Amino acid sequence: MREMKTHTKEKPYVCKVCSATFSLAGNLRGHIRTHAGEKPYSFEVWSASFSRENGLENHMKSRPGEKSYASRVCSVAFTKMVYLETHGEIH
């Protein structure tokens, strides 16, 4: 069922603050934390904290010099997925 909502683009979960919609309840819960300013996921080495667990995971992957996201079209690699996605637009 969860997988189907993603493929059908169904977004039944609505944020009561800003009306953003989500296909998964967990994504809505993470989004709501951004409105509340909650950041329960933290990286203790230099006091970085994030409202969503994947924010911490992405931060860990983007340590200096670590390029975990590589283009499948060319040999360029990036520290963050968003950079790879932007790069993909040129291919």
N, C-alpha and C. Protein backbone atom coordinates (compact mmCIF):
# COMPACT_ATOMS: atom_id res chain seq x y z
N MET A 1 0.83 -1.20 0.00
CA MET A 1 0.00 0.00 0.00
C MET A 1 0.87 1.26 0.00
N ARG A 2 1.87 1.28 0.87
CA ARG A 2 2.76 2.43 0.98
C ARG A 2 3.45 2.70 -0.36
N GLU A 3 3.95 1.66 -0.98
CA GLU A 3 4.64 1.78 -2.27
C GLU A 3 3.70 2.30 -3.35
N MET A 4 2.45 1.88 -3.33
CA MET A 4 1.48 2.29 -4.34
C MET A 4 1.23 3.80 -4.29
N LYS A 5 1.15 4.37 -3.09
CA LYS A 5 0.90 5.82 -2.98
C LYS A 5 2.01 6.60 -3.66
N THR A 6 3.23 6.11 -3.56
CA THR A 6 4.35 6.79 -4.18
C THR A 6 4.23 6.76 -5.69
N HIS A 7 3.85 5.60 -6.24
CA HIS A 7 3.75 5.46 -7.70
C HIS A 7 2.52 6.16 -8.28
N THR A 8 1.43 6.19 -7.54
CA THR A 8 0.20 6.81 -8.05
C THR A 8 0.16 8.32 -7.81
N LYS A 9 1.17 8.83 -7.12
CA LYS A 9 1.26 10.26 -6.79
C LYS A 9 0.16 10.71 -5.84
N GLU A 10 -0.51 9.74 -5.18
CA GLU A 10 -1.54 10.05 -4.20
C GLU A 10 -0.87 10.69 -2.97
N LYS A 11 -1.42 11.81 -2.50
CA LYS A 11 -0.85 12.53 -1.36
C LYS A 11 -1.97 12.86 -0.37
N PRO A 12 -2.40 11.87 0.41
CA PRO A 12 -3.53 12.10 1.31
C PRO A 12 -3.18 12.80 2.63
N TYR A 13 -1.91 12.99 2.93
CA TYR A 13 -1.51 13.60 4.19
C TYR A 13 -1.21 15.09 3.97
N VAL A 14 -1.97 15.95 4.67
CA VAL A 14 -1.90 17.40 4.43
C VAL A 14 -1.43 18.12 5.69
N CYS A 15 -0.47 19.02 5.52
CA CYS A 15 0.01 19.85 6.62
C CYS A 15 -1.05 20.90 6.94
N LYS A 16 -1.43 20.98 8.20
CA LYS A 16 -2.45 21.94 8.62
C LYS A 16 -1.89 23.36 8.70
N VAL A 17 -0.58 23.50 8.68
CA VAL A 17 0.03 24.83 8.77
C VAL A 17 0.17 25.48 7.40
N CYS A 18 0.69 24.71 6.41
CA CYS A 18 0.97 25.33 5.11
C CYS A 18 0.31 24.62 3.93
N SER A 19 -0.47 23.60 4.19
CA SER A 19 -1.21 22.85 3.17
C SER A 19 -0.32 22.00 2.23
N ALA A 20 0.94 21.80 2.57
CA ALA A 20 1.79 20.91 1.78
C ALA A 20 1.22 19.49 1.90
N THR A 21 1.34 18.70 0.83
CA THR A 21 0.79 17.35 0.85
C THR A 21 1.89 16.32 0.71
N PHE A 22 1.64 15.12 1.27
CA PHE A 22 2.63 14.06 1.30
C PHE A 22 1.98 12.71 1.05
N SER A 23 2.72 11.82 0.43
CA SER A 23 2.19 10.48 0.15
C SER A 23 2.35 9.57 1.36
N LEU A 24 3.27 9.88 2.27
CA LEU A 24 3.52 9.05 3.44
C LEU A 24 3.35 9.85 4.72
N ALA A 25 2.75 9.23 5.73
CA ALA A 25 2.53 9.90 7.01
C ALA A 25 3.85 10.30 7.66
N GLY A 26 4.87 9.48 7.53
CA GLY A 26 6.17 9.80 8.12
C GLY A 26 6.78 11.05 7.53
N ASN A 27 6.57 11.26 6.25
CA ASN A 27 7.07 12.48 5.61
C ASN A 27 6.36 13.71 6.15
N LEU A 28 5.06 13.60 6.40
CA LEU A 28 4.31 14.71 7.00
C LEU A 28 4.82 14.98 8.41
N ARG A 29 5.06 13.93 9.20
CA ARG A 29 5.58 14.13 10.56
C ARG A 29 6.92 14.87 10.54
N GLY A 30 7.81 14.49 9.62
CA GLY A 30 9.09 15.18 9.50
C GLY A 30 8.91 16.63 9.09
N HIS A 31 7.98 16.87 8.18
CA HIS A 31 7.69 18.23 7.72
C HIS A 31 7.17 19.09 8.87
N ILE A 32 6.29 18.55 9.67
CA ILE A 32 5.70 19.30 10.78
C ILE A 32 6.79 19.74 11.77
N ARG A 33 7.82 18.90 11.94
CA ARG A 33 8.92 19.28 12.83
C ARG A 33 9.62 20.55 12.34
N THR A 34 9.64 20.78 11.04
CA THR A 34 10.28 22.01 10.53
C THR A 34 9.49 23.25 10.97
N HIS A 35 8.17 23.15 11.02
CA HIS A 35 7.35 24.27 11.50
C HIS A 35 7.56 24.50 12.99
N ALA A 36 7.71 23.42 13.73
CA ALA A 36 7.86 23.51 15.19
C ALA A 36 9.29 23.84 15.61
N GLY A 37 10.22 23.77 14.65
CA GLY A 37 11.62 24.04 14.98
C GLY A 37 12.31 22.89 15.67
N GLU A 38 11.68 21.72 15.67
CA GLU A 38 12.27 20.54 16.31
C GLU A 38 13.37 19.96 15.43
N LYS A 39 14.47 19.59 16.06
CA LYS A 39 15.59 18.97 15.35
C LYS A 39 16.14 17.83 16.20
N PRO A 40 15.42 16.69 16.22
CA PRO A 40 15.82 15.59 17.10
C PRO A 40 17.01 14.78 16.62
N TYR A 41 17.44 14.96 15.39
CA TYR A 41 18.56 14.19 14.86
C TYR A 41 19.81 15.07 14.89
N SER A 42 20.79 14.69 15.72
CA SER A 42 21.95 15.56 15.87
C SER A 42 23.26 14.83 15.62
N PHE A 43 24.26 15.60 15.25
CA PHE A 43 25.61 15.14 15.01
C PHE A 43 26.46 15.85 16.05
N GLU A 44 26.92 15.11 17.02
CA GLU A 44 27.54 15.70 18.20
C GLU A 44 28.92 16.31 17.97
N VAL A 45 29.60 15.98 16.90
CA VAL A 45 30.97 16.45 16.71
C VAL A 45 31.02 17.97 16.61
N TRP A 46 30.11 18.58 15.85
CA TRP A 46 30.11 20.04 15.78
C TRP A 46 28.71 20.63 15.89
N SER A 47 27.87 20.01 16.69
CA SER A 47 26.56 20.54 17.07
C SER A 47 25.62 20.84 15.91
N ALA A 48 25.64 20.03 14.88
CA ALA A 48 24.67 20.17 13.80
C ALA A 48 23.43 19.38 14.18
N SER A 49 22.25 19.92 13.91
CA SER A 49 21.03 19.17 14.19
C SER A 49 20.04 19.36 13.05
N PHE A 50 19.14 18.37 12.89
CA PHE A 50 18.27 18.31 11.74
C PHE A 50 16.87 17.88 12.16
N SER A 51 15.86 18.36 11.45
CA SER A 51 14.48 18.00 11.77
C SER A 51 14.11 16.64 11.21
N ARG A 52 14.84 16.18 10.21
CA ARG A 52 14.56 14.88 9.60
C ARG A 52 15.79 14.00 9.66
N GLU A 53 15.56 12.71 9.82
CA GLU A 53 16.66 11.75 9.91
C GLU A 53 17.54 11.77 8.66
N ASN A 54 16.90 11.91 7.48
CA ASN A 54 17.72 11.92 6.26
C ASN A 54 18.57 13.18 6.17
N GLY A 55 18.21 14.24 6.88
CA GLY A 55 19.06 15.43 6.94
C GLY A 55 20.39 15.10 7.60
N LEU A 56 20.33 14.34 8.68
CA LEU A 56 21.55 13.90 9.34
C LEU A 56 22.33 12.96 8.44
N GLU A 57 21.65 12.02 7.80
CA GLU A 57 22.33 11.08 6.90
C GLU A 57 23.03 11.82 5.76
N ASN A 58 22.36 12.78 5.17
CA ASN A 58 22.96 13.56 4.08
C ASN A 58 24.15 14.37 4.58
N HIS A 59 24.03 14.91 5.78
CA HIS A 59 25.13 15.66 6.36
C HIS A 59 26.36 14.76 6.55
N MET A 60 26.13 13.56 7.04
CA MET A 60 27.22 12.62 7.27
C MET A 60 27.91 12.25 5.95
N LYS A 61 27.13 12.13 4.89
CA LYS A 61 27.69 11.77 3.59
C LYS A 61 28.45 12.93 2.96
N SER A 62 28.18 14.15 3.40
CA SER A 62 28.79 15.31 2.75
C SER A 62 29.98 15.86 3.52
N ARG A 63 30.65 15.00 4.27
CA ARG A 63 31.87 15.44 4.96
C ARG A 63 32.89 15.89 3.92
N PRO A 64 33.77 16.79 4.27
CA PRO A 64 34.75 17.31 3.31
C PRO A 64 35.50 16.21 2.57
N GLY A 65 35.51 16.32 1.24
CA GLY A 65 36.25 15.38 0.41
C GLY A 65 35.50 14.11 0.06
N GLU A 66 34.37 13.84 0.69
CA GLU A 66 33.63 12.60 0.42
C GLU A 66 32.55 12.87 -0.61
N LYS A 67 32.69 12.31 -1.78
CA LYS A 67 31.72 12.52 -2.86
C LYS A 67 30.99 11.21 -3.12
N SER A 68 29.84 11.05 -2.49
CA SER A 68 29.09 9.80 -2.53
C SER A 68 28.11 9.70 -3.69
N TYR A 69 27.85 10.80 -4.38
CA TYR A 69 26.84 10.82 -5.42
C TYR A 69 27.50 11.02 -6.79
N ALA A 70 27.56 9.94 -7.57
CA ALA A 70 28.24 9.99 -8.87
C ALA A 70 27.24 9.96 -10.01
N SER A 71 27.56 10.70 -11.06
CA SER A 71 26.73 10.72 -12.27
C SER A 71 26.85 9.38 -12.99
N ARG A 72 25.74 8.87 -13.47
CA ARG A 72 25.75 7.63 -14.26
C ARG A 72 26.11 7.90 -15.71
N VAL A 73 26.08 9.16 -16.11
CA VAL A 73 26.35 9.54 -17.49
C VAL A 73 27.82 9.88 -17.70
N CYS A 74 28.41 10.57 -16.73
CA CYS A 74 29.82 10.94 -16.84
C CYS A 74 30.51 10.59 -15.52
N SER A 75 31.74 10.93 -15.37
CA SER A 75 32.50 10.52 -14.19
C SER A 75 32.48 11.55 -13.05
N VAL A 76 31.67 12.56 -13.13
CA VAL A 76 31.62 13.60 -12.11
C VAL A 76 30.91 13.08 -10.86
N ALA A 77 31.44 13.41 -9.67
CA ALA A 77 30.82 13.01 -8.40
C ALA A 77 30.60 14.25 -7.53
N PHE A 78 29.61 14.17 -6.64
CA PHE A 78 29.22 15.30 -5.81
C PHE A 78 29.06 14.90 -4.36
N THR A 79 29.14 15.88 -3.47
CA THR A 79 28.98 15.62 -2.04
C THR A 79 27.51 15.56 -1.62
N LYS A 80 26.61 16.14 -2.41
CA LYS A 80 25.19 16.15 -2.07
C LYS A 80 24.35 15.74 -3.26
N MET A 81 23.25 15.05 -2.98
CA MET A 81 22.35 14.58 -4.02
C MET A 81 21.78 15.74 -4.83
N VAL A 82 21.49 16.85 -4.18
CA VAL A 82 20.91 18.00 -4.89
C VAL A 82 21.87 18.51 -5.96
N TYR A 83 23.18 18.44 -5.70
CA TYR A 83 24.15 18.86 -6.71
C TYR A 83 24.15 17.91 -7.90
N LEU A 84 24.02 16.62 -7.60
CA LEU A 84 23.96 15.63 -8.68
C LEU A 84 22.70 15.84 -9.51
N GLU A 85 21.58 16.11 -8.86
CA GLU A 85 20.32 16.33 -9.57
C GLU A 85 20.43 17.56 -10.47
N THR A 86 21.03 18.62 -9.97
CA THR A 86 21.22 19.82 -10.78
C THR A 86 22.14 19.53 -11.96
N HIS A 87 23.19 18.78 -11.73
CA HIS A 87 24.11 18.38 -12.78
C HIS A 87 23.39 17.54 -13.84
N GLY A 88 22.48 16.68 -13.40
CA GLY A 88 21.74 15.81 -14.32
C GLY A 88 20.93 16.57 -15.34
N GLU A 89 20.55 17.80 -15.01
CA GLU A 89 19.76 18.61 -15.92
C GLU A 89 20.53 19.00 -17.19
N ILE A 90 21.87 18.96 -17.13
CA ILE A 90 22.65 19.31 -18.32
C ILE A 90 22.80 18.14 -19.29
N HIS A 91 22.51 16.92 -18.83
CA HIS A 91 22.66 15.74 -19.69
C HIS A 91 21.39 15.48 -20.50
